[in-house]
Amino acid sequence: MGRTRRKGNFAKNKAISKARRTRNYRKDIDQIYEDIKPENAPKFANMAIDENLPGLGQNYCITCSRHFVNKIALAGHYKTKLHKKNVKNLQEKPYTQKDAEEYGK
C-alpha cells in the first residue's frame, strides 16, 4: 500500500483563497436599499442584454441582487425563504454612518 495524498489543502494558495472570497460576492443590504428606491428601480427593470449573465441578464431579482436563467426559475425564487427574508430586511431603513456619529455623541 502506498501513501495517500492529503486532499483539499488550499489554505496556503493565495489565488484560490481570493477566488473563493470574491466569486460569489453579492451586494450588501444597504447597496440593495439604494437600488430599490423609486428613482433607481427603472434601470433594473429594462436591463440591456448581456451574454455573460445568466438568462442574458433579463431575469433579475432586485431585492436579492441575483440573475436567473429563465422566468420559471425567477418565479420559483420568489417563493424561497431567502427571498422573503431579504424583502423583510429591506422594509426597515439600514443603519448609516450618520446614525453612528449621532449615537456616539
N, C-alpha and C. Protein backbone atom coordinates (compact mmCIF):
# COMPACT_ATOMS: atom_id res chain seq x y z
N MET A 1 0.83 -1.17 0.00
CA MET A 1 0.00 0.00 0.00
C MET A 1 0.88 1.25 0.00
N GLY A 2 0.50 2.19 -0.88
CA GLY A 2 1.27 3.41 -0.97
C GLY A 2 0.72 4.50 -0.06
N ARG A 3 1.43 5.57 -0.03
CA ARG A 3 0.98 6.70 0.79
C ARG A 3 -0.15 7.43 0.06
N THR A 4 -1.10 7.88 0.79
CA THR A 4 -2.20 8.64 0.19
C THR A 4 -1.92 10.13 0.34
N ARG A 5 -2.24 10.85 -0.68
CA ARG A 5 -2.02 12.28 -0.67
C ARG A 5 -3.16 12.98 0.05
N ARG A 6 -2.83 13.98 0.80
CA ARG A 6 -3.84 14.75 1.50
C ARG A 6 -4.54 15.66 0.51
N LYS A 7 -5.86 15.64 0.49
CA LYS A 7 -6.63 16.41 -0.48
C LYS A 7 -7.26 17.65 0.18
N GLY A 8 -7.53 18.64 -0.64
CA GLY A 8 -8.25 19.81 -0.17
C GLY A 8 -7.42 20.79 0.63
N ASN A 9 -6.11 20.79 0.49
CA ASN A 9 -5.27 21.68 1.28
C ASN A 9 -4.96 22.93 0.45
N PHE A 10 -5.92 23.86 0.42
CA PHE A 10 -5.74 25.07 -0.36
C PHE A 10 -5.53 26.28 0.54
N ALA A 11 -5.27 26.08 1.81
CA ALA A 11 -5.18 27.19 2.74
C ALA A 11 -4.03 28.13 2.40
N LYS A 12 -2.93 27.63 1.87
CA LYS A 12 -1.77 28.47 1.59
C LYS A 12 -1.75 29.00 0.17
N ASN A 13 -2.66 28.55 -0.67
CA ASN A 13 -2.69 29.01 -2.05
C ASN A 13 -3.50 30.31 -2.12
N LYS A 14 -2.80 31.44 -2.29
CA LYS A 14 -3.46 32.75 -2.22
C LYS A 14 -4.45 32.97 -3.36
N ALA A 15 -4.15 32.48 -4.55
CA ALA A 15 -5.05 32.69 -5.69
C ALA A 15 -6.39 32.01 -5.47
N ILE A 16 -6.37 30.80 -4.95
CA ILE A 16 -7.61 30.07 -4.70
C ILE A 16 -8.39 30.71 -3.57
N SER A 17 -7.70 31.16 -2.54
CA SER A 17 -8.37 31.79 -1.41
C SER A 17 -9.06 33.08 -1.84
N LYS A 18 -8.40 33.89 -2.67
CA LYS A 18 -9.01 35.13 -3.14
C LYS A 18 -10.20 34.85 -4.04
N ALA A 19 -10.10 33.84 -4.89
CA ALA A 19 -11.21 33.50 -5.77
C ALA A 19 -12.42 33.04 -4.97
N ARG A 20 -12.22 32.34 -3.90
CA ARG A 20 -13.34 31.91 -3.06
C ARG A 20 -14.04 33.09 -2.41
N ARG A 21 -13.26 34.09 -2.00
CA ARG A 21 -13.86 35.26 -1.35
C ARG A 21 -14.66 36.11 -2.32
N THR A 22 -14.21 36.26 -3.55
CA THR A 22 -14.81 37.22 -4.46
C THR A 22 -15.74 36.59 -5.50
N ARG A 23 -15.72 35.29 -5.66
CA ARG A 23 -16.51 34.66 -6.73
C ARG A 23 -18.00 34.86 -6.55
N ASN A 24 -18.51 34.61 -5.37
CA ASN A 24 -19.95 34.68 -5.13
C ASN A 24 -20.35 35.94 -4.37
N TYR A 25 -19.63 37.03 -4.61
CA TYR A 25 -19.94 38.27 -3.90
C TYR A 25 -21.29 38.81 -4.34
N ARG A 26 -22.10 39.17 -3.38
CA ARG A 26 -23.38 39.81 -3.64
C ARG A 26 -23.38 41.17 -2.96
N LYS A 27 -24.29 42.01 -3.38
CA LYS A 27 -24.38 43.34 -2.81
C LYS A 27 -24.81 43.25 -1.35
N ASP A 28 -24.37 44.22 -0.57
CA ASP A 28 -24.79 44.32 0.82
C ASP A 28 -26.18 44.93 0.90
N ILE A 29 -26.80 44.82 2.06
CA ILE A 29 -28.19 45.23 2.23
C ILE A 29 -28.36 46.74 2.00
N ASP A 30 -27.38 47.55 2.37
CA ASP A 30 -27.50 48.99 2.16
C ASP A 30 -27.37 49.36 0.68
N GLN A 31 -26.60 48.61 -0.08
CA GLN A 31 -26.50 48.85 -1.52
C GLN A 31 -27.80 48.47 -2.22
N ILE A 32 -28.42 47.38 -1.79
CA ILE A 32 -29.69 46.96 -2.37
C ILE A 32 -30.78 47.96 -2.01
N TYR A 33 -30.72 48.50 -0.79
CA TYR A 33 -31.70 49.50 -0.36
C TYR A 33 -31.66 50.72 -1.28
N GLU A 34 -30.47 51.12 -1.71
CA GLU A 34 -30.34 52.23 -2.66
C GLU A 34 -30.92 51.86 -4.03
N ASP A 35 -30.76 50.60 -4.44
CA ASP A 35 -31.24 50.16 -5.75
C ASP A 35 -32.77 50.12 -5.84
N ILE A 36 -33.45 49.83 -4.73
CA ILE A 36 -34.90 49.68 -4.79
C ILE A 36 -35.63 51.01 -4.64
N LYS A 37 -34.91 52.10 -4.46
CA LYS A 37 -35.56 53.41 -4.40
C LYS A 37 -36.24 53.68 -5.74
N PRO A 38 -37.37 54.42 -5.71
CA PRO A 38 -38.13 54.64 -6.96
C PRO A 38 -37.33 55.28 -8.09
N GLU A 39 -36.36 56.12 -7.77
CA GLU A 39 -35.59 56.76 -8.85
C GLU A 39 -34.55 55.83 -9.46
N ASN A 40 -34.16 54.77 -8.76
CA ASN A 40 -33.15 53.84 -9.27
C ASN A 40 -33.72 52.55 -9.82
N ALA A 41 -34.93 52.18 -9.44
CA ALA A 41 -35.53 50.89 -9.83
C ALA A 41 -35.75 50.72 -11.33
N PRO A 42 -36.12 51.76 -12.11
CA PRO A 42 -36.37 51.54 -13.55
C PRO A 42 -35.17 51.03 -14.34
N LYS A 43 -33.96 51.34 -13.90
CA LYS A 43 -32.80 50.86 -14.66
C LYS A 43 -32.63 49.35 -14.54
N PHE A 44 -33.19 48.74 -13.50
CA PHE A 44 -33.11 47.29 -13.35
C PHE A 44 -34.27 46.59 -14.06
N ALA A 45 -35.35 47.31 -14.30
CA ALA A 45 -36.50 46.72 -14.99
C ALA A 45 -36.20 46.51 -16.48
N ASN A 46 -35.46 47.42 -17.08
CA ASN A 46 -35.15 47.35 -18.51
C ASN A 46 -33.65 47.21 -18.71
N MET A 47 -33.11 46.10 -18.29
CA MET A 47 -31.67 45.88 -18.40
C MET A 47 -31.31 45.48 -19.83
N ALA A 48 -30.14 45.90 -20.27
CA ALA A 48 -29.65 45.55 -21.60
C ALA A 48 -29.25 44.08 -21.63
N ILE A 49 -29.28 43.48 -22.81
CA ILE A 49 -28.90 42.08 -22.97
C ILE A 49 -27.39 41.94 -22.78
N ASP A 50 -27.00 41.05 -21.88
CA ASP A 50 -25.59 40.80 -21.60
C ASP A 50 -25.36 39.30 -21.69
N GLU A 51 -24.52 38.89 -22.61
CA GLU A 51 -24.28 37.46 -22.84
C GLU A 51 -23.51 36.79 -21.72
N ASN A 52 -22.87 37.56 -20.86
CA ASN A 52 -22.09 36.98 -19.77
C ASN A 52 -22.92 36.66 -18.54
N LEU A 53 -24.15 37.12 -18.49
CA LEU A 53 -25.02 36.89 -17.34
C LEU A 53 -26.01 35.77 -17.62
N PRO A 54 -26.45 35.07 -16.59
CA PRO A 54 -27.46 34.03 -16.79
C PRO A 54 -28.76 34.62 -17.33
N GLY A 55 -29.35 33.94 -18.30
CA GLY A 55 -30.60 34.40 -18.90
C GLY A 55 -30.43 35.70 -19.65
N LEU A 56 -29.23 35.98 -20.13
CA LEU A 56 -28.88 37.21 -20.85
C LEU A 56 -29.16 38.46 -20.02
N GLY A 57 -29.21 38.31 -18.70
CA GLY A 57 -29.41 39.46 -17.82
C GLY A 57 -30.84 39.96 -17.76
N GLN A 58 -31.81 39.20 -18.27
CA GLN A 58 -33.19 39.66 -18.34
C GLN A 58 -34.02 39.26 -17.12
N ASN A 59 -33.62 38.27 -16.38
CA ASN A 59 -34.38 37.78 -15.22
C ASN A 59 -33.60 38.11 -13.96
N TYR A 60 -33.90 39.26 -13.34
CA TYR A 60 -33.13 39.78 -12.23
C TYR A 60 -34.03 40.02 -11.04
N CYS A 61 -33.62 39.55 -9.88
CA CYS A 61 -34.33 39.83 -8.63
C CYS A 61 -33.61 40.99 -7.96
N ILE A 62 -34.25 42.14 -7.90
CA ILE A 62 -33.60 43.33 -7.39
C ILE A 62 -33.39 43.25 -5.88
N THR A 63 -34.27 42.59 -5.14
CA THR A 63 -34.13 42.53 -3.69
C THR A 63 -33.02 41.58 -3.25
N CYS A 64 -32.68 40.61 -4.08
CA CYS A 64 -31.61 39.67 -3.74
C CYS A 64 -30.34 39.92 -4.54
N SER A 65 -30.42 40.78 -5.55
CA SER A 65 -29.29 41.11 -6.41
C SER A 65 -28.75 39.86 -7.11
N ARG A 66 -29.66 39.10 -7.73
CA ARG A 66 -29.29 37.85 -8.41
C ARG A 66 -29.93 37.77 -9.78
N HIS A 67 -29.21 37.16 -10.71
CA HIS A 67 -29.72 36.89 -12.05
C HIS A 67 -30.15 35.43 -12.13
N PHE A 68 -31.21 35.15 -12.91
CA PHE A 68 -31.70 33.80 -13.07
C PHE A 68 -31.78 33.43 -14.54
N VAL A 69 -31.77 32.12 -14.82
CA VAL A 69 -31.71 31.61 -16.18
C VAL A 69 -32.98 31.90 -16.96
N ASN A 70 -34.14 31.71 -16.32
CA ASN A 70 -35.41 31.96 -17.02
C ASN A 70 -36.45 32.45 -16.03
N LYS A 71 -37.64 32.78 -16.55
CA LYS A 71 -38.70 33.32 -15.69
C LYS A 71 -39.24 32.30 -14.71
N ILE A 72 -39.18 31.03 -15.07
CA ILE A 72 -39.66 29.98 -14.17
C ILE A 72 -38.77 29.89 -12.94
N ALA A 73 -37.46 29.97 -13.15
CA ALA A 73 -36.52 29.94 -12.03
C ALA A 73 -36.71 31.18 -11.15
N LEU A 74 -36.96 32.33 -11.77
CA LEU A 74 -37.19 33.56 -11.03
C LEU A 74 -38.48 33.47 -10.21
N ALA A 75 -39.54 32.91 -10.81
CA ALA A 75 -40.81 32.74 -10.09
C ALA A 75 -40.64 31.77 -8.92
N GLY A 76 -39.85 30.74 -9.10
CA GLY A 76 -39.58 29.81 -8.01
C GLY A 76 -38.76 30.47 -6.90
N HIS A 77 -37.88 31.37 -7.28
CA HIS A 77 -37.06 32.09 -6.30
C HIS A 77 -37.91 32.98 -5.41
N TYR A 78 -38.96 33.57 -5.98
CA TYR A 78 -39.82 34.45 -5.20
C TYR A 78 -40.50 33.72 -4.05
N LYS A 79 -40.60 32.39 -4.11
CA LYS A 79 -41.26 31.61 -3.07
C LYS A 79 -40.29 31.11 -2.00
N THR A 80 -38.99 31.36 -2.16
CA THR A 80 -37.99 30.82 -1.24
C THR A 80 -37.89 31.64 0.04
N LYS A 81 -37.35 31.01 1.05
CA LYS A 81 -37.18 31.64 2.35
C LYS A 81 -36.15 32.76 2.28
N LEU A 82 -35.10 32.58 1.49
CA LEU A 82 -34.05 33.60 1.36
C LEU A 82 -34.61 34.89 0.78
N HIS A 83 -35.44 34.80 -0.25
CA HIS A 83 -36.03 35.99 -0.86
C HIS A 83 -36.96 36.69 0.12
N LYS A 84 -37.78 35.93 0.80
CA LYS A 84 -38.73 36.52 1.75
C LYS A 84 -38.00 37.21 2.90
N LYS A 85 -36.87 36.63 3.33
CA LYS A 85 -36.08 37.23 4.39
C LYS A 85 -35.46 38.56 3.92
N ASN A 86 -34.99 38.59 2.66
CA ASN A 86 -34.42 39.82 2.13
C ASN A 86 -35.46 40.91 2.00
N VAL A 87 -36.67 40.55 1.58
CA VAL A 87 -37.75 41.53 1.47
C VAL A 87 -38.07 42.11 2.84
N LYS A 88 -38.11 41.27 3.85
CA LYS A 88 -38.40 41.73 5.20
C LYS A 88 -37.29 42.64 5.73
N ASN A 89 -36.03 42.29 5.46
CA ASN A 89 -34.91 43.11 5.91
C ASN A 89 -34.88 44.47 5.22
N LEU A 90 -35.35 44.54 3.98
CA LEU A 90 -35.33 45.79 3.24
C LEU A 90 -36.47 46.74 3.62
N GLN A 91 -37.42 46.28 4.42
CA GLN A 91 -38.53 47.15 4.82
C GLN A 91 -38.08 48.18 5.84
N GLU A 92 -37.03 47.90 6.59
CA GLU A 92 -36.54 48.88 7.54
C GLU A 92 -35.31 49.59 6.98
N LYS A 93 -35.13 50.83 7.35
CA LYS A 93 -34.04 51.63 6.83
C LYS A 93 -32.71 51.14 7.41
N PRO A 94 -31.68 50.98 6.57
CA PRO A 94 -30.40 50.48 7.08
C PRO A 94 -29.68 51.53 7.94
N TYR A 95 -28.84 51.06 8.80
CA TYR A 95 -28.04 51.87 9.70
C TYR A 95 -26.95 52.55 8.89
N THR A 96 -26.79 53.86 9.03
CA THR A 96 -25.82 54.60 8.23
C THR A 96 -24.71 55.17 9.10
N GLN A 97 -23.71 55.73 8.46
CA GLN A 97 -22.59 56.35 9.18
C GLN A 97 -23.07 57.56 9.96
N LYS A 98 -24.01 58.29 9.41
CA LYS A 98 -24.56 59.47 10.09
C LYS A 98 -25.24 59.05 11.40
N ASP A 99 -25.97 57.95 11.37
CA ASP A 99 -26.62 57.43 12.58
C ASP A 99 -25.58 57.05 13.63
N ALA A 100 -24.49 56.48 13.19
CA ALA A 100 -23.43 56.07 14.11
C ALA A 100 -22.77 57.27 14.77
N GLU A 101 -22.57 58.34 14.01
CA GLU A 101 -21.98 59.55 14.58
C GLU A 101 -22.90 60.20 15.59
N GLU A 102 -24.21 60.22 15.32
CA GLU A 102 -25.17 60.80 16.25
C GLU A 102 -25.27 59.97 17.52
N TYR A 103 -25.20 58.66 17.39
CA TYR A 103 -25.30 57.78 18.54
C TYR A 103 -24.07 57.92 19.45
N GLY A 104 -22.92 58.17 18.83
CA GLY A 104 -21.67 58.26 19.59
C GLY A 104 -21.54 59.53 20.40
N LYS A 105 -22.36 60.53 20.13
CA LYS A 105 -22.25 61.82 20.84
C LYS A 105 -22.80 61.76 22.22
